[in-house]
Amino acid sequence: MRLTRQPGRLCSEEREPYMSKDNPYRPWDTDRNLLDEAWNITRRHHGEYLIFYLPGMIRYGNLRGLYPAVSLTGDRCVLQCEHCKGLLLQPMIPVEDPEALVMKCRNLAQSGRVGVLLSGGSDSKGRLPWERFYDAISAVKSETGLFISVHSGFPDLATAERLKQAGVDQALIDIMGDEQTARDIYHLDGLHTVIDSLESLVVSGLEVVPHIVAGLMYGRMQAEDEALRIISRVRPASLVIVVLTPLKGTPMSGASPPSPEEIARLIATARLMMPSIPISLGCERPRTGEGQIMEELAIQAGVTRMAVWSEKTVDLALSLGLRPRFQPTCCSVAYREDFSVLLPVSL
C-alpha cells in the first residue's frame, strides 16, 4: 500500500510488496527465527498498535512536533563525547538562566506545545547544571502543566530526587555496556558512573527511559548486548534504541553506522529480554536507503514505537496487520489521546 499526502491525512492508493527479492536485507536472510520469536512476543504483550512519533525539532511535510528540546547551556559542553562534540545541542532552543526557562516554557505552552525536553551540555563528570534550575522547573510544571522530560546526564541520587520533586516526569539516560565506551567515547570515569546514575534515577521514582546508541565504537557494535542486560535489571518505563549518525566535525564523521541487520538483531534481543517493555527506534538514525530497511526490520524485530516515519514504513505496518497511531512528542512519551489528537494525521 503506497501512502500519499492529502491535507490533514494519509490515504492509501494501492498495495505492493513491502520488500523486493533483490533487497539484501530480506528478513528471511537474517536471524529469521529470532525475528519471528520477537514479533510473536511483541504481539502477545503489546497487541496491534504501533506508535509513530514526531519530535518537536523535526518537520514532516507541513507538520511539526509539539515537544521541543531546550538546552540549558546553549551549545556549550565540557564533556565533549566523541560522537557529538556538542553539535547535537546546536538545533535546541538555548535557555541559559532560570528566568529565561520559565518565560520560554510559558510561551511554548501558550503556542500549543504539550511538553518539553530539557537538555544541555555536561561538565567533566557528565552532570548538567540542574541545581540552578530546580525552582524554575517547578514553576514551569505548576504554571504550564507541560510534560517534562530531561536528558539527565549522569546524576547522583540527590540530584535525581530533586528533579522528581521539581515536577520532572521522566528522565532519559544513555547506557553503554563496557568500560572502554564509557571512558574513551563518553570521557567518564568509568562504567560505574553510568550504572550508579541509572540506579539513582530508578530509586528517585522518576520514570526512566534508557537510550542505547548503537555503534558508538566508531560504528562497530561492541557492548550493546551488555547494555541491554544492565537495563533489564531495573525494569525501565521504556527503551529507546538510536543509531550512530556520524556528524561532520566529530572524530566519527567517517564512520559507517551499523547495518540494518545488526540493529534488528539488537532490537529482537531486547524484546526477548524485556517482553513487556515498550521499545522504540529513536529519531537519531540514518536517513538513507539502509535507514528505510532498518525501519522495516525494526518493526518485525519488536519495536512498538518509532520516531519519525516514512510512508513506506506506515504501509508495511498496515500490511502486517498493525494499527498505526501518531503523536507529536518524543518517542519516550507513552501514547496519550490528548496529545495524539493534536497531530492531524489519520489513515
C-alpha atoms as a PDB file:
ATOM      1  CA  MET A   1       0.000   0.000   0.000  1.00  0.00           C
ATOM      2  CA  ARG A   2       1.537   3.290  -1.020  1.00  0.00           C
ATOM      3  CA  LEU A   3       0.612   6.243   1.172  1.00  0.00           C
ATOM      4  CA  THR A   4       0.246   9.740  -0.211  1.00  0.00           C
ATOM      5  CA  ARG A   5      -0.260  13.065   1.487  1.00  0.00           C
ATOM      6  CA  GLN A   6      -3.547  14.893   1.361  1.00  0.00           C
ATOM      7  CA  PRO A   7      -4.477  17.833   3.573  1.00  0.00           C
ATOM      8  CA  GLY A   8      -4.678  16.588   7.160  1.00  0.00           C
ATOM      9  CA  ARG A   9      -4.476  12.874   6.453  1.00  0.00           C
ATOM     10  CA  LEU A  10      -2.642   9.975   4.915  1.00  0.00           C
ATOM     11  CA  CYS A  11      -4.608   7.944   2.414  1.00  0.00           C
ATOM     12  CA  SER A  12      -3.938   4.614   0.704  1.00  0.00           C
ATOM     13  CA  GLU A  13      -3.838   4.172  -3.027  1.00  0.00           C
ATOM     14  CA  GLU A  14      -2.504   0.748  -3.868  1.00  0.00           C
ATOM     15  CA  ARG A  15      -0.890  -2.254  -2.246  1.00  0.00           C
ATOM     16  CA  GLU A  16       2.522  -3.566  -3.254  1.00  0.00           C
ATOM     17  CA  PRO A  17       5.042  -5.970  -1.710  1.00  0.00           C
ATOM     18  CA  TYR A  18       6.951  -4.284   1.046  1.00  0.00           C
ATOM     19  CA  MET A  19      10.287  -5.839   0.098  1.00  0.00           C
ATOM     20  CA  SER A  20      11.618  -6.895  -3.270  1.00  0.00           C
ATOM     21  CA  LYS A  21      13.561 -10.109  -3.836  1.00  0.00           C
ATOM     22  CA  ASP A  22      16.789  -8.221  -4.581  1.00  0.00           C
ATOM     23  CA  ASN A  23      16.726  -6.490  -1.204  1.00  0.00           C
ATOM     24  CA  PRO A  24      19.982  -7.513   0.559  1.00  0.00           C
ATOM     25  CA  TYR A  25      18.323  -7.308   3.982  1.00  0.00           C
ATOM     26  CA  ARG A  26      15.342  -9.572   3.453  1.00  0.00           C
ATOM     27  CA  PRO A  27      14.352 -10.802   6.918  1.00  0.00           C
ATOM     28  CA  TRP A  28      14.418 -14.442   5.821  1.00  0.00           C
ATOM     29  CA  ASP A  29      18.154 -13.941   5.205  1.00  0.00           C
ATOM     30  CA  THR A  30      18.917 -12.691   8.701  1.00  0.00           C
ATOM     31  CA  ASP A  31      18.007 -14.306  12.013  1.00  0.00           C
ATOM     32  CA  ARG A  32      14.574 -15.316  10.787  1.00  0.00           C
ATOM     33  CA  ASN A  33      13.789 -17.401  13.843  1.00  0.00           C
ATOM     34  CA  LEU A  34      14.927 -14.631  16.200  1.00  0.00           C
ATOM     35  CA  LEU A  35      12.759 -12.037  14.457  1.00  0.00           C
ATOM     36  CA  ASP A  36       9.778 -14.369  14.343  1.00  0.00           C
ATOM     37  CA  GLU A  37      10.040 -15.040  18.068  1.00  0.00           C
ATOM     38  CA  ALA A  38      10.410 -11.324  18.828  1.00  0.00           C
ATOM     39  CA  TRP A  39       7.404 -10.486  16.640  1.00  0.00           C
ATOM     40  CA  ASN A  40       5.210 -13.069  18.371  1.00  0.00           C
ATOM     41  CA  ILE A  41       6.244 -11.920  21.853  1.00  0.00           C
ATOM     42  CA  THR A  42       5.557  -8.321  20.894  1.00  0.00           C
ATOM     43  CA  ARG A  43       2.061  -9.080  19.696  1.00  0.00           C
ATOM     44  CA  ARG A  44       1.255 -11.085  22.842  1.00  0.00           C
ATOM     45  CA  HIS A  45       2.369  -8.319  25.176  1.00  0.00           C
ATOM     46  CA  HIS A  46       1.585  -5.172  23.188  1.00  0.00           C
ATOM     47  CA  GLY A  47      -1.174  -6.004  20.746  1.00  0.00           C
ATOM     48  CA  GLU A  48      -1.501  -4.499  17.293  1.00  0.00           C
ATOM     49  CA  TYR A  49      -0.703  -0.830  17.879  1.00  0.00           C
ATOM     50  CA  LEU A  50       2.468   0.829  16.584  1.00  0.00           C
ATOM     51  CA  ILE A  51       3.001   4.448  17.627  1.00  0.00           C
ATOM     52  CA  PHE A  52       4.780   6.836  15.259  1.00  0.00           C
ATOM     53  CA  TYR A  53       6.216   9.994  16.824  1.00  0.00           C
ATOM     54  CA  LEU A  54       7.104  13.445  15.531  1.00  0.00           C
ATOM     55  CA  PRO A  55       9.549  15.107  17.973  1.00  0.00           C
ATOM     56  CA  GLY A  56       9.494  18.843  18.481  1.00  0.00           C
ATOM     57  CA  MET A  57      12.537  19.748  16.414  1.00  0.00           C
ATOM     58  CA  ILE A  58      11.540  17.732  13.334  1.00  0.00           C
ATOM     59  CA  ARG A  59       9.199  18.577  10.463  1.00  0.00           C
ATOM     60  CA  TYR A  60       7.198  16.092   8.398  1.00  0.00           C
ATOM     61  CA  GLY A  61       5.844  17.930   5.375  1.00  0.00           C
ATOM     62  CA  ASN A  62       3.931  20.847   6.835  1.00  0.00           C
ATOM     63  CA  LEU A  63       3.649  19.183  10.249  1.00  0.00           C
ATOM     64  CA  ARG A  64       5.913  19.763  13.213  1.00  0.00           C
ATOM     65  CA  GLY A  65       6.156  18.073  16.585  1.00  0.00           C
ATOM     66  CA  LEU A  66       4.891  19.798  19.712  1.00  0.00           C
ATOM     67  CA  TYR A  67       7.705  18.733  22.034  1.00  0.00           C
ATOM     68  CA  PRO A  68      10.757  20.991  21.546  1.00  0.00           C
ATOM     69  CA  ALA A  69      14.209  20.409  23.011  1.00  0.00           C
ATOM     70  CA  VAL A  70      15.757  23.118  25.187  1.00  0.00           C
ATOM     71  CA  SER A  71      19.449  23.362  26.074  1.00  0.00           C
ATOM     72  CA  LEU A  72      20.236  24.836  29.491  1.00  0.00           C
ATOM     73  CA  THR A  73      23.835  25.501  28.430  1.00  0.00           C
ATOM     74  CA  GLY A  74      23.396  26.772  24.886  1.00  0.00           C
ATOM     75  CA  ASP A  75      25.910  24.936  22.713  1.00  0.00           C
ATOM     76  CA  ARG A  76      28.484  24.588  25.490  1.00  0.00           C
ATOM     77  CA  CYS A  77      29.597  21.156  26.714  1.00  0.00           C
ATOM     78  CA  VAL A  78      32.725  20.319  28.692  1.00  0.00           C
ATOM     79  CA  LEU A  79      32.453  16.529  28.363  1.00  0.00           C
ATOM     80  CA  GLN A  80      32.791  16.579  24.550  1.00  0.00           C
ATOM     81  CA  CYS A  81      31.793  12.978  23.807  1.00  0.00           C
ATOM     82  CA  GLU A  82      33.473  11.630  20.685  1.00  0.00           C
ATOM     83  CA  HIS A  83      30.234  11.095  18.732  1.00  0.00           C
ATOM     84  CA  CYS A  84      28.728  14.507  19.482  1.00  0.00           C
ATOM     85  CA  LYS A  85      31.288  17.176  20.467  1.00  0.00           C
ATOM     86  CA  GLY A  86      28.360  19.393  21.467  1.00  0.00           C
ATOM     87  CA  LEU A  87      26.928  19.542  17.947  1.00  0.00           C
ATOM     88  CA  LEU A  88      23.621  17.925  18.942  1.00  0.00           C
ATOM     89  CA  LEU A  89      22.971  20.933  21.185  1.00  0.00           C
ATOM     90  CA  GLN A  90      23.002  23.413  18.334  1.00  0.00           C
ATOM     91  CA  PRO A  91      19.449  22.836  16.998  1.00  0.00           C
ATOM     92  CA  MET A  92      17.984  23.101  20.510  1.00  0.00           C
ATOM     93  CA  ILE A  93      16.395  26.238  21.928  1.00  0.00           C
ATOM     94  CA  PRO A  94      19.090  27.951  24.050  1.00  0.00           C
ATOM     95  CA  VAL A  95      17.961  28.941  27.562  1.00  0.00           C
ATOM     96  CA  GLU A  96      20.785  29.685  29.979  1.00  0.00           C
ATOM     97  CA  ASP A  97      19.195  31.047  33.144  1.00  0.00           C
ATOM     98  CA  PRO A  98      16.153  30.043  35.252  1.00  0.00           C
ATOM     99  CA  GLU A  99      14.051  33.113  34.484  1.00  0.00           C
ATOM    100  CA  ALA A 100      14.501  32.609  30.739  1.00  0.00           C
ATOM    101  CA  LEU A 101      13.494  28.961  31.085  1.00  0.00           C
ATOM    102  CA  VAL A 102      10.211  29.849  32.783  1.00  0.00           C
ATOM    103  CA  MET A 103       9.441  32.555  30.217  1.00  0.00           C
ATOM    104  CA  LYS A 104      10.276  30.326  27.262  1.00  0.00           C
ATOM    105  CA  CYS A 105       8.160  27.436  28.571  1.00  0.00           C
ATOM    106  CA  ARG A 106       5.218  29.775  29.205  1.00  0.00           C
ATOM    107  CA  ASN A 107       5.449  30.871  25.578  1.00  0.00           C
ATOM    108  CA  LEU A 108       5.744  27.299  24.371  1.00  0.00           C
ATOM    109  CA  ALA A 109       2.656  26.251  26.314  1.00  0.00           C
ATOM    110  CA  GLN A 110       0.674  29.247  25.045  1.00  0.00           C
ATOM    111  CA  SER A 111       1.617  28.338  21.462  1.00  0.00           C
ATOM    112  CA  GLY A 112       0.228  24.821  21.842  1.00  0.00           C
ATOM    113  CA  ARG A 113       3.277  22.764  22.797  1.00  0.00           C
ATOM    114  CA  VAL A 114       2.398  19.791  25.001  1.00  0.00           C
ATOM    115  CA  GLY A 115       5.768  19.156  26.580  1.00  0.00           C
ATOM    116  CA  VAL A 116       9.450  19.971  26.588  1.00  0.00           C
ATOM    117  CA  LEU A 117      12.727  18.069  26.620  1.00  0.00           C
ATOM    118  CA  LEU A 118      15.289  19.760  28.870  1.00  0.00           C
ATOM    119  CA  SER A 119      18.850  19.001  27.875  1.00  0.00           C
ATOM    120  CA  GLY A 120      22.246  20.646  27.743  1.00  0.00           C
ATOM    121  CA  GLY A 121      25.971  20.097  27.864  1.00  0.00           C
ATOM    122  CA  SER A 122      27.690  18.246  30.698  1.00  0.00           C
ATOM    123  CA  ASP A 123      30.602  19.075  32.962  1.00  0.00           C
ATOM    124  CA  SER A 124      33.672  16.839  33.135  1.00  0.00           C
ATOM    125  CA  LYS A 125      31.789  14.339  35.324  1.00  0.00           C
ATOM    126  CA  GLY A 126      28.816  14.059  32.976  1.00  0.00           C
ATOM    127  CA  ARG A 127      26.471  16.231  35.047  1.00  0.00           C
ATOM    128  CA  LEU A 128      24.215  19.052  33.933  1.00  0.00           C
ATOM    129  CA  PRO A 129      23.684  22.252  35.981  1.00  0.00           C
ATOM    130  CA  TRP A 130      20.343  21.072  37.355  1.00  0.00           C
ATOM    131  CA  GLU A 131      20.768  22.748  40.755  1.00  0.00           C
ATOM    132  CA  ARG A 132      20.361  26.179  39.158  1.00  0.00           C
ATOM    133  CA  PHE A 133      17.025  25.186  37.625  1.00  0.00           C
ATOM    134  CA  TYR A 134      15.063  23.235  40.269  1.00  0.00           C
ATOM    135  CA  ASP A 135      12.816  26.172  41.185  1.00  0.00           C
ATOM    136  CA  ALA A 136      12.361  27.143  37.545  1.00  0.00           C
ATOM    137  CA  ILE A 137      11.343  23.604  36.591  1.00  0.00           C
ATOM    138  CA  SER A 138       8.863  23.563  39.472  1.00  0.00           C
ATOM    139  CA  ALA A 139       7.398  26.863  38.263  1.00  0.00           C
ATOM    140  CA  VAL A 140       7.131  25.568  34.700  1.00  0.00           C
ATOM    141  CA  LYS A 141       5.293  22.468  35.878  1.00  0.00           C
ATOM    142  CA  SER A 142       2.849  24.310  38.126  1.00  0.00           C
ATOM    143  CA  GLU A 143       2.156  27.184  35.718  1.00  0.00           C
ATOM    144  CA  THR A 144       2.017  25.396  32.368  1.00  0.00           C
ATOM    145  CA  GLY A 145       1.328  21.710  33.017  1.00  0.00           C
ATOM    146  CA  LEU A 146       3.820  20.796  30.284  1.00  0.00           C
ATOM    147  CA  PHE A 147       5.012  17.207  30.276  1.00  0.00           C
ATOM    148  CA  ILE A 148       8.704  17.481  31.185  1.00  0.00           C
ATOM    149  CA  SER A 149      11.410  15.087  30.043  1.00  0.00           C
ATOM    150  CA  VAL A 150      15.075  15.599  30.865  1.00  0.00           C
ATOM    151  CA  HIS A 151      18.244  14.344  29.274  1.00  0.00           C
ATOM    152  CA  SER A 152      19.542  13.701  32.750  1.00  0.00           C
ATOM    153  CA  GLY A 153      23.237  13.270  32.099  1.00  0.00           C
ATOM    154  CA  PHE A 154      24.691  11.090  34.846  1.00  0.00           C
ATOM    155  CA  PRO A 155      23.260  12.434  38.129  1.00  0.00           C
ATOM    156  CA  ASP A 156      23.694  11.289  41.707  1.00  0.00           C
ATOM    157  CA  LEU A 157      20.741  10.258  43.885  1.00  0.00           C
ATOM    158  CA  ALA A 158      20.271  13.702  45.463  1.00  0.00           C
ATOM    159  CA  THR A 159      20.004  15.300  42.024  1.00  0.00           C
ATOM    160  CA  ALA A 160      17.582  12.668  40.767  1.00  0.00           C
ATOM    161  CA  GLU A 161      15.362  13.157  43.817  1.00  0.00           C
ATOM    162  CA  ARG A 162      15.356  16.934  43.390  1.00  0.00           C
ATOM    163  CA  LEU A 163      14.381  16.568  39.736  1.00  0.00           C
ATOM    164  CA  LYS A 164      11.485  14.348  40.783  1.00  0.00           C
ATOM    165  CA  GLN A 165      10.400  16.855  43.446  1.00  0.00           C
ATOM    166  CA  ALA A 166      10.576  19.697  40.914  1.00  0.00           C
ATOM    167  CA  GLY A 167       7.995  18.006  38.701  1.00  0.00           C
ATOM    168  CA  VAL A 168      10.067  16.255  36.055  1.00  0.00           C
ATOM    169  CA  ASP A 169       8.015  13.453  34.518  1.00  0.00           C
ATOM    170  CA  GLN A 170      10.722  11.297  33.002  1.00  0.00           C
ATOM    171  CA  ALA A 171      14.478  11.017  32.711  1.00  0.00           C
ATOM    172  CA  LEU A 172      16.348   9.893  29.599  1.00  0.00           C
ATOM    173  CA  ILE A 173      19.822   8.438  30.133  1.00  0.00           C
ATOM    174  CA  ASP A 174      22.383   6.941  27.768  1.00  0.00           C
ATOM    175  CA  ILE A 175      23.514   3.448  28.734  1.00  0.00           C
ATOM    176  CA  MET A 176      26.607   1.774  27.375  1.00  0.00           C
ATOM    177  CA  GLY A 177      27.871  -1.700  28.220  1.00  0.00           C
ATOM    178  CA  ASP A 178      31.627  -1.547  28.716  1.00  0.00           C
ATOM    179  CA  GLU A 179      34.444   0.437  30.313  1.00  0.00           C
ATOM    180  CA  GLN A 180      36.063   1.345  27.010  1.00  0.00           C
ATOM    181  CA  THR A 181      32.953   3.067  25.662  1.00  0.00           C
ATOM    182  CA  ALA A 182      32.304   4.849  28.960  1.00  0.00           C
ATOM    183  CA  ARG A 183      35.873   6.147  29.155  1.00  0.00           C
ATOM    184  CA  ASP A 184      37.009   6.611  25.559  1.00  0.00           C
ATOM    185  CA  ILE A 185      33.740   7.733  23.952  1.00  0.00           C
ATOM    186  CA  TYR A 186      31.881   9.453  26.818  1.00  0.00           C
ATOM    187  CA  HIS A 187      35.024  10.558  28.712  1.00  0.00           C
ATOM    188  CA  LEU A 188      33.539   9.378  32.017  1.00  0.00           C
ATOM    189  CA  ASP A 189      35.460   7.951  34.977  1.00  0.00           C
ATOM    190  CA  GLY A 190      34.106   4.528  34.159  1.00  0.00           C
ATOM    191  CA  LEU A 191      31.035   2.395  33.642  1.00  0.00           C
ATOM    192  CA  HIS A 192      30.237   2.625  37.367  1.00  0.00           C
ATOM    193  CA  THR A 193      29.219   6.249  36.798  1.00  0.00           C
ATOM    194  CA  VAL A 194      26.573   5.130  34.316  1.00  0.00           C
ATOM    195  CA  ILE A 195      25.231   2.267  36.429  1.00  0.00           C
ATOM    196  CA  ASP A 196      25.137   4.363  39.614  1.00  0.00           C
ATOM    197  CA  SER A 197      23.191   7.108  37.824  1.00  0.00           C
ATOM    198  CA  LEU A 198      20.718   4.649  36.329  1.00  0.00           C
ATOM    199  CA  GLU A 199      20.061   3.175  39.770  1.00  0.00           C
ATOM    200  CA  SER A 200      19.724   6.652  41.296  1.00  0.00           C
ATOM    201  CA  LEU A 201      17.095   7.650  38.768  1.00  0.00           C
ATOM    202  CA  VAL A 202      15.124   4.472  39.414  1.00  0.00           C
ATOM    203  CA  VAL A 203      15.299   4.902  43.203  1.00  0.00           C
ATOM    204  CA  SER A 204      14.138   8.527  42.905  1.00  0.00           C
ATOM    205  CA  GLY A 205      10.809   7.384  41.479  1.00  0.00           C
ATOM    206  CA  LEU A 206      11.291   9.118  38.140  1.00  0.00           C
ATOM    207  CA  GLU A 207      10.046   7.371  35.034  1.00  0.00           C
ATOM    208  CA  VAL A 208      13.299   6.196  33.455  1.00  0.00           C
ATOM    209  CA  VAL A 209      13.807   5.755  29.712  1.00  0.00           C
ATOM    210  CA  PRO A 210      17.286   4.411  28.911  1.00  0.00           C
ATOM    211  CA  HIS A 211      18.755   5.068  25.483  1.00  0.00           C
ATOM    212  CA  ILE A 212      21.293   2.873  23.719  1.00  0.00           C
ATOM    213  CA  VAL A 213      23.323   4.477  20.916  1.00  0.00           C
ATOM    214  CA  ALA A 214      24.084   1.503  18.700  1.00  0.00           C
ATOM    215  CA  GLY A 215      27.502   1.597  17.050  1.00  0.00           C
ATOM    216  CA  LEU A 216      29.167   4.019  19.456  1.00  0.00           C
ATOM    217  CA  MET A 217      32.587   2.452  18.914  1.00  0.00           C
ATOM    218  CA  TYR A 218      33.084   4.270  15.611  1.00  0.00           C
ATOM    219  CA  GLY A 219      30.202   2.374  14.021  1.00  0.00           C
ATOM    220  CA  ARG A 220      31.113  -1.002  15.456  1.00  0.00           C
ATOM    221  CA  MET A 221      28.737  -2.949  17.679  1.00  0.00           C
ATOM    222  CA  GLN A 222      30.715  -3.760  20.792  1.00  0.00           C
ATOM    223  CA  ALA A 223      28.873  -3.947  24.121  1.00  0.00           C
ATOM    224  CA  GLU A 224      25.264  -3.167  23.244  1.00  0.00           C
ATOM    225  CA  ASP A 225      24.071  -6.564  24.464  1.00  0.00           C
ATOM    226  CA  GLU A 226      25.655  -5.918  27.848  1.00  0.00           C
ATOM    227  CA  ALA A 227      23.940  -2.521  27.924  1.00  0.00           C
ATOM    228  CA  LEU A 228      20.657  -4.392  27.452  1.00  0.00           C
ATOM    229  CA  ARG A 229      21.458  -6.642  30.402  1.00  0.00           C
ATOM    230  CA  ILE A 230      22.197  -3.607  32.588  1.00  0.00           C
ATOM    231  CA  ILE A 231      18.889  -2.021  31.600  1.00  0.00           C
ATOM    232  CA  SER A 232      16.874  -5.207  32.029  1.00  0.00           C
ATOM    233  CA  ARG A 233      17.782  -5.344  35.714  1.00  0.00           C
ATOM    234  CA  VAL A 234      15.891  -2.113  36.536  1.00  0.00           C
ATOM    235  CA  ARG A 235      12.653  -2.544  34.545  1.00  0.00           C
ATOM    236  CA  PRO A 236      12.552   0.826  32.736  1.00  0.00           C
ATOM    237  CA  ALA A 237       9.397   2.601  31.597  1.00  0.00           C
ATOM    238  CA  SER A 238      10.542   2.073  28.011  1.00  0.00           C
ATOM    239  CA  LEU A 239      13.719   1.608  25.979  1.00  0.00           C
ATOM    240  CA  VAL A 240      14.907   3.728  23.059  1.00  0.00           C
ATOM    241  CA  ILE A 241      17.465   2.450  20.580  1.00  0.00           C
ATOM    242  CA  VAL A 242      19.114   5.077  18.401  1.00  0.00           C
ATOM    243  CA  VAL A 243      21.804   4.519  15.810  1.00  0.00           C
ATOM    244  CA  LEU A 244      25.112   6.310  15.414  1.00  0.00           C
ATOM    245  CA  THR A 245      24.716   9.106  12.888  1.00  0.00           C
ATOM    246  CA  PRO A 246      28.226  10.283  12.002  1.00  0.00           C
ATOM    247  CA  LEU A 247      28.432  14.066  12.374  1.00  0.00           C
ATOM    248  CA  LYS A 248      30.785  16.251  10.366  1.00  0.00           C
ATOM    249  CA  GLY A 249      33.212  17.877  12.757  1.00  0.00           C
ATOM    250  CA  THR A 250      33.465  14.888  15.089  1.00  0.00           C
ATOM    251  CA  PRO A 251      36.067  12.101  15.165  1.00  0.00           C
ATOM    252  CA  MET A 252      33.335   9.750  13.926  1.00  0.00           C
ATOM    253  CA  SER A 253      32.499  11.734  10.806  1.00  0.00           C
ATOM    254  CA  GLY A 254      33.886   8.989   8.567  1.00  0.00           C
ATOM    255  CA  ALA A 255      32.392   6.053  10.449  1.00  0.00           C
ATOM    256  CA  SER A 256      29.784   3.767   8.913  1.00  0.00           C
ATOM    257  CA  PRO A 257      26.674   3.151  11.042  1.00  0.00           C
ATOM    258  CA  PRO A 258      25.703  -0.405  11.987  1.00  0.00           C
ATOM    259  CA  SER A 259      23.766  -2.320   9.367  1.00  0.00           C
ATOM    260  CA  PRO A 260      20.000  -2.773   9.447  1.00  0.00           C
ATOM    261  CA  GLU A 261      20.597  -6.444  10.291  1.00  0.00           C
ATOM    262  CA  GLU A 262      22.633  -5.547  13.362  1.00  0.00           C
ATOM    263  CA  ILE A 263      20.005  -3.103  14.600  1.00  0.00           C
ATOM    264  CA  ALA A 264      17.214  -5.638  14.046  1.00  0.00           C
ATOM    265  CA  ARG A 265      19.194  -8.235  15.970  1.00  0.00           C
ATOM    266  CA  LEU A 266      19.710  -5.796  18.867  1.00  0.00           C
ATOM    267  CA  ILE A 267      16.008  -4.904  18.977  1.00  0.00           C
ATOM    268  CA  ALA A 268      14.928  -8.543  18.858  1.00  0.00           C
ATOM    269  CA  THR A 269      17.369  -9.404  21.642  1.00  0.00           C
ATOM    270  CA  ALA A 270      15.961  -6.549  23.722  1.00  0.00           C
ATOM    271  CA  ARG A 271      12.436  -7.825  23.119  1.00  0.00           C
ATOM    272  CA  LEU A 272      13.304 -11.308  24.323  1.00  0.00           C
ATOM    273  CA  MET A 273      14.989  -9.881  27.430  1.00  0.00           C
ATOM    274  CA  MET A 274      12.178  -7.416  28.202  1.00  0.00           C
ATOM    275  CA  PRO A 275       8.913  -8.740  26.742  1.00  0.00           C
ATOM    276  CA  SER A 276       6.576  -6.204  28.339  1.00  0.00           C
ATOM    277  CA  ILE A 277       8.707  -3.056  27.894  1.00  0.00           C
ATOM    278  CA  PRO A 278       7.852  -0.650  25.042  1.00  0.00           C
ATOM    279  CA  ILE A 279      10.798  -0.405  22.650  1.00  0.00           C
ATOM    280  CA  SER A 280      11.347   2.484  20.267  1.00  0.00           C
ATOM    281  CA  LEU A 281      13.548   3.068  17.266  1.00  0.00           C
ATOM    282  CA  GLY A 282      14.551   6.640  18.046  1.00  0.00           C
ATOM    283  CA  CYS A 283      14.962   9.696  15.847  1.00  0.00           C
ATOM    284  CA  GLU A 284      18.771   9.581  15.532  1.00  0.00           C
ATOM    285  CA  ARG A 285      19.400   7.065  12.764  1.00  0.00           C
ATOM    286  CA  PRO A 286      20.474   7.085   9.105  1.00  0.00           C
ATOM    287  CA  ARG A 287      18.039   8.637   6.624  1.00  0.00           C
ATOM    288  CA  THR A 288      19.261   6.578   3.693  1.00  0.00           C
ATOM    289  CA  GLY A 289      18.135   3.534   1.783  1.00  0.00           C
ATOM    290  CA  GLU A 290      19.617   1.400   4.538  1.00  0.00           C
ATOM    291  CA  GLY A 291      17.743   3.550   7.053  1.00  0.00           C
ATOM    292  CA  GLN A 292      14.496   2.584   5.339  1.00  0.00           C
ATOM    293  CA  ILE A 293      15.379  -1.087   5.589  1.00  0.00           C
ATOM    294  CA  MET A 294      16.284  -0.514   9.220  1.00  0.00           C
ATOM    295  CA  GLU A 295      12.758   0.772   9.909  1.00  0.00           C
ATOM    296  CA  GLU A 296      11.182  -2.221   8.202  1.00  0.00           C
ATOM    297  CA  LEU A 297      13.272  -4.780  10.059  1.00  0.00           C
ATOM    298  CA  ALA A 298      12.788  -2.922  13.349  1.00  0.00           C
ATOM    299  CA  ILE A 299       9.026  -3.431  13.100  1.00  0.00           C
ATOM    300  CA  GLN A 300       9.485  -7.161  12.597  1.00  0.00           C
ATOM    301  CA  ALA A 301      12.055  -7.281  15.420  1.00  0.00           C
ATOM    302  CA  GLY A 302       9.618  -5.956  18.005  1.00  0.00           C
ATOM    303  CA  VAL A 303       9.518  -2.169  18.239  1.00  0.00           C
ATOM    304  CA  THR A 304       6.248  -0.719  19.462  1.00  0.00           C
ATOM    305  CA  ARG A 305       7.261   2.889  18.815  1.00  0.00           C
ATOM    306  CA  MET A 306       9.184   4.719  16.108  1.00  0.00           C
ATOM    307  CA  ALA A 307      10.284   8.332  15.948  1.00  0.00           C
ATOM    308  CA  VAL A 308       9.532   9.873  12.542  1.00  0.00           C
ATOM    309  CA  TRP A 309       8.058   7.716   9.827  1.00  0.00           C
ATOM    310  CA  SER A 310       8.157   7.199   6.096  1.00  0.00           C
ATOM    311  CA  GLU A 311       5.060   6.463   4.085  1.00  0.00           C
ATOM    312  CA  LYS A 312       6.595   3.139   3.056  1.00  0.00           C
ATOM    313  CA  THR A 313       7.072   2.167   6.691  1.00  0.00           C
ATOM    314  CA  VAL A 314       3.481   3.002   7.572  1.00  0.00           C
ATOM    315  CA  ASP A 315       2.453   0.962   4.551  1.00  0.00           C
ATOM    316  CA  LEU A 316       4.423  -2.000   5.873  1.00  0.00           C
ATOM    317  CA  ALA A 317       2.815  -1.699   9.294  1.00  0.00           C
ATOM    318  CA  LEU A 318      -0.624  -1.790   7.725  1.00  0.00           C
ATOM    319  CA  SER A 319       0.260  -4.763   5.525  1.00  0.00           C
ATOM    320  CA  LEU A 320       1.368  -6.673   8.613  1.00  0.00           C
ATOM    321  CA  GLY A 321      -1.962  -6.066  10.308  1.00  0.00           C
ATOM    322  CA  LEU A 322      -0.736  -3.367  12.695  1.00  0.00           C
ATOM    323  CA  ARG A 323      -2.737  -0.283  13.670  1.00  0.00           C
ATOM    324  CA  PRO A 324      -0.602   2.875  13.422  1.00  0.00           C
ATOM    325  CA  ARG A 325      -1.114   5.823  15.762  1.00  0.00           C
ATOM    326  CA  PHE A 326       0.644   9.182  15.595  1.00  0.00           C
ATOM    327  CA  GLN A 327       1.822  11.516  18.365  1.00  0.00           C
ATOM    328  CA  PRO A 328       3.687  14.878  18.192  1.00  0.00           C
ATOM    329  CA  THR A 329       6.152  14.183  21.040  1.00  0.00           C
ATOM    330  CA  CYS A 330       9.431  12.447  21.765  1.00  0.00           C
ATOM    331  CA  CYS A 331       9.103   8.675  21.456  1.00  0.00           C
ATOM    332  CA  SER A 332       9.875   8.336  25.166  1.00  0.00           C
ATOM    333  CA  VAL A 333       6.374   9.595  25.980  1.00  0.00           C
ATOM    334  CA  ALA A 334       3.644   6.966  26.253  1.00  0.00           C
ATOM    335  CA  TYR A 335       0.672   7.290  23.924  1.00  0.00           C
ATOM    336  CA  ARG A 336      -1.891   9.832  25.124  1.00  0.00           C
ATOM    337  CA  GLU A 337      -5.110  10.559  23.291  1.00  0.00           C
ATOM    338  CA  ASP A 338      -4.999  14.235  24.290  1.00  0.00           C
ATOM    339  CA  PHE A 339      -1.559  14.561  22.686  1.00  0.00           C
ATOM    340  CA  SER A 340      -2.305  12.406  19.663  1.00  0.00           C
ATOM    341  CA  VAL A 341      -5.358  14.364  18.518  1.00  0.00           C
ATOM    342  CA  LEU A 342      -3.143  17.422  18.074  1.00  0.00           C
ATOM    343  CA  LEU A 343      -1.272  15.792  15.173  1.00  0.00           C
ATOM    344  CA  PRO A 344      -3.594  15.887  12.124  1.00  0.00           C
ATOM    345  CA  VAL A 345      -2.602  12.538  10.648  1.00  0.00           C
ATOM    346  CA  SER A 346      -5.041   9.705  10.057  1.00  0.00           C
ATOM    347  CA  LEU A 347      -5.249   6.605   7.871  1.00  0.00           C
END
